[in-house]
Amino acid sequence: MDFFNKTRNHVAAQGVGVAQGALELAIAYVKKRKAFGTSLAYLQGVQFKLAEMATRIEAARGLYWRAAYSVDKGKPDHALISMAKWFGGETGVYVTNEALQLHGGYGYIAEYDIQRFYRDAKIVEIYEGSKEVEKAVIAAELLKKVF
C-alpha cells in the first residue's frame, strides 16, 4: 500500500492535468469556431458544458491535494488517496469526452490534439488500480471505521 499511496496520487494528478489540457483546448476551439452565425462560445449550452468541466477539474484537484498532504504528513489516508485516483481518472475521461464533443467531427482527426487527450485520459481509470479496486479500498476503509 505504501507504493500505491504515492503512485495513485500521481495518477490522480495526471487525470486532472489531462482534463485541464482538454478544457483549455475546448475553450480555444469554441472561441474560434463559428456556427449559427456566431462563435460557439456565445451559446449557453456550450458555456454550461465548460462550467461543469472546470468545476469537476477543481473538485478533483482539491481531492488529490488533500490526499498528497496526508502522504506528506506521514499519515496516508488510503480512502482519500483512492478517492482522488478514482475521481481524477473519471474527471479526465469526462472532461476530455466533453471537449471532444465540442470539437465535433474534428475531434477524431489526428490533426487535433483532443483525440490523443481522450486516449491519455482513459488509461488513468485503468492503471495503478481500476476504479472498481479504488471503490473496494474506499469501502474497506469506511467499514474499518464503522466496525
Protein backbone atom coordinates (compact mmCIF):
# COMPACT_ATOMS: atom_id res chain seq x y z
CA MET A 1 0.00 0.00 0.00
CA ASP A 2 2.91 2.34 0.68
CA PHE A 3 3.84 2.19 -3.02
CA PHE A 4 0.24 2.81 -4.13
CA ASN A 5 -0.19 5.67 -1.66
CA LYS A 6 2.37 7.58 -3.67
CA THR A 7 1.74 6.40 -7.21
CA ARG A 8 -2.06 6.61 -7.13
CA ASN A 9 -1.89 10.25 -6.22
CA HIS A 10 0.45 10.89 -9.14
CA VAL A 11 -2.07 9.17 -11.39
CA ALA A 12 -4.87 11.33 -9.95
CA ALA A 13 -2.79 14.40 -10.79
CA GLN A 14 -2.28 13.04 -14.30
CA GLY A 15 -6.05 12.74 -14.76
CA VAL A 16 -6.50 16.32 -13.63
CA GLY A 17 -3.70 17.53 -15.89
CA VAL A 18 -5.16 15.81 -18.94
CA ALA A 19 -8.58 17.23 -18.08
CA GLN A 20 -7.14 20.74 -17.67
CA GLY A 21 -5.39 20.49 -21.02
CA ALA A 22 -8.57 19.26 -22.70
CA LEU A 23 -10.56 22.12 -21.17
CA GLU A 24 -8.03 24.64 -22.47
CA LEU A 25 -8.20 23.10 -25.97
CA ALA A 26 -12.00 23.20 -25.85
CA ILE A 27 -12.07 26.85 -24.77
CA ALA A 28 -9.70 27.86 -27.56
CA TYR A 29 -11.71 25.87 -30.10
CA VAL A 30 -15.17 27.20 -29.18
CA LYS A 31 -13.88 30.77 -29.23
CA LYS A 32 -12.80 30.48 -32.86
CA ARG A 33 -15.41 28.04 -34.24
CA LYS A 34 -18.45 29.68 -35.81
CA ALA A 35 -21.92 28.14 -36.01
CA PHE A 36 -25.37 29.64 -36.35
CA GLY A 37 -23.79 32.97 -37.24
CA THR A 38 -21.78 33.32 -34.05
CA SER A 39 -18.90 31.84 -32.08
CA LEU A 40 -19.74 28.62 -30.26
CA ALA A 41 -18.53 30.36 -27.09
CA TYR A 42 -21.65 32.53 -27.10
CA LEU A 43 -24.02 29.54 -26.91
CA GLN A 44 -25.31 28.98 -23.40
CA GLY A 45 -25.26 25.19 -23.75
CA VAL A 46 -21.57 25.33 -24.59
CA GLN A 47 -20.93 27.69 -21.70
CA PHE A 48 -22.68 25.30 -19.30
CA LYS A 49 -20.51 22.40 -20.52
CA LEU A 50 -17.35 24.44 -19.94
CA ALA A 51 -18.53 25.47 -16.47
CA GLU A 52 -19.20 21.87 -15.48
CA MET A 53 -15.87 20.72 -16.87
CA ALA A 54 -13.98 23.39 -14.92
CA THR A 55 -15.87 22.61 -11.70
CA ARG A 56 -15.10 18.89 -11.90
CA ILE A 57 -11.44 19.66 -12.51
CA GLU A 58 -11.26 21.87 -9.43
CA ALA A 59 -13.01 19.24 -7.30
CA ALA A 60 -10.59 16.54 -8.49
CA ARG A 61 -7.60 18.84 -7.93
CA GLY A 62 -8.68 19.55 -4.36
CA LEU A 63 -9.11 15.86 -3.67
CA TYR A 64 -5.65 14.89 -4.83
CA TRP A 65 -4.07 17.85 -2.99
CA ARG A 66 -5.69 16.65 0.26
CA ALA A 67 -4.54 13.10 -0.46
CA ALA A 68 -0.99 14.28 -1.17
CA TYR A 69 -0.99 16.30 2.05
CA SER A 70 -1.87 13.17 4.05
CA VAL A 71 1.08 11.36 2.49
CA ASP A 72 3.43 14.32 3.06
CA LYS A 73 2.44 14.38 6.74
CA GLY A 74 3.29 10.69 7.07
CA LYS A 75 -0.34 9.69 7.69
CA PRO A 76 -1.59 8.43 4.34
CA ASP A 77 -5.36 8.23 4.14
CA HIS A 78 -5.95 5.17 1.96
CA ALA A 79 -9.58 6.02 1.28
CA LEU A 80 -8.80 9.61 0.35
CA ILE A 81 -5.97 8.51 -1.95
CA SER A 82 -8.28 6.01 -3.67
CA MET A 83 -11.00 8.67 -3.96
CA ALA A 84 -8.52 11.04 -5.58
CA LYS A 85 -7.31 8.40 -8.04
CA TRP A 86 -10.82 7.25 -8.96
CA PHE A 87 -12.27 10.74 -9.29
CA GLY A 88 -9.17 12.08 -11.06
CA GLY A 89 -9.43 9.35 -13.68
CA GLU A 90 -13.18 9.76 -14.04
CA THR A 91 -12.77 13.52 -14.36
CA GLY A 92 -10.11 13.13 -17.03
CA VAL A 93 -12.39 10.89 -19.10
CA TYR A 94 -15.49 13.04 -18.56
CA VAL A 95 -13.78 16.32 -19.45
CA THR A 96 -11.89 15.00 -22.46
CA ASN A 97 -15.08 13.37 -23.74
CA GLU A 98 -16.96 16.68 -23.45
CA ALA A 99 -14.06 18.54 -25.06
CA LEU A 100 -14.01 16.06 -27.93
CA GLN A 101 -17.78 16.51 -28.32
CA LEU A 102 -17.35 20.28 -28.52
CA HIS A 103 -14.86 19.76 -31.34
CA GLY A 104 -17.48 17.82 -33.28
CA GLY A 105 -16.15 15.65 -36.10
CA TYR A 106 -12.78 17.39 -35.89
CA GLY A 107 -12.28 15.73 -32.52
CA TYR A 108 -11.40 12.45 -34.23
CA ILE A 109 -8.95 13.88 -36.74
CA ALA A 110 -5.29 13.33 -35.90
CA GLU A 111 -4.56 17.00 -36.63
CA TYR A 112 -6.45 17.92 -33.46
CA ASP A 113 -4.78 17.00 -30.17
CA ILE A 114 -8.05 16.36 -28.37
CA GLN A 115 -8.30 12.81 -29.76
CA ARG A 116 -4.97 11.98 -28.11
CA PHE A 117 -6.06 13.58 -24.84
CA TYR A 118 -9.04 11.24 -24.71
CA ARG A 119 -6.82 8.18 -25.02
CA ASP A 120 -4.45 9.58 -22.40
CA ALA A 121 -7.37 10.14 -20.01
CA LYS A 122 -8.85 6.67 -20.36
CA ILE A 123 -5.73 4.87 -19.18
CA VAL A 124 -5.84 6.82 -15.90
CA GLU A 125 -9.02 4.95 -14.96
CA ILE A 126 -7.26 1.63 -15.50
CA TYR A 127 -3.67 1.54 -14.30
CA GLU A 128 -2.48 1.69 -10.67
CA GLY A 129 -5.82 0.20 -9.69
CA SER A 130 -9.04 0.22 -11.66
CA LYS A 131 -11.97 2.30 -10.42
CA GLU A 132 -13.51 -0.87 -9.02
CA VAL A 133 -10.36 -1.54 -6.98
CA GLU A 134 -10.40 2.05 -5.73
CA LYS A 135 -14.03 1.67 -4.63
CA ALA A 136 -13.12 -1.54 -2.78
CA VAL A 137 -10.31 0.26 -0.93
CA ILE A 138 -12.62 3.17 -0.04
CA ALA A 139 -15.33 0.81 1.23
CA ALA A 140 -12.83 -1.23 3.26
CA GLU A 141 -11.53 1.93 4.93
CA LEU A 142 -15.03 3.22 5.62
CA LEU A 143 -16.15 -0.08 7.11
CA LYS A 144 -13.00 -0.30 9.22
CA LYS A 145 -14.04 2.97 10.86
CA VAL A 146 -17.60 1.70 11.42
CA PHE A 147 -16.84 -1.70 12.96
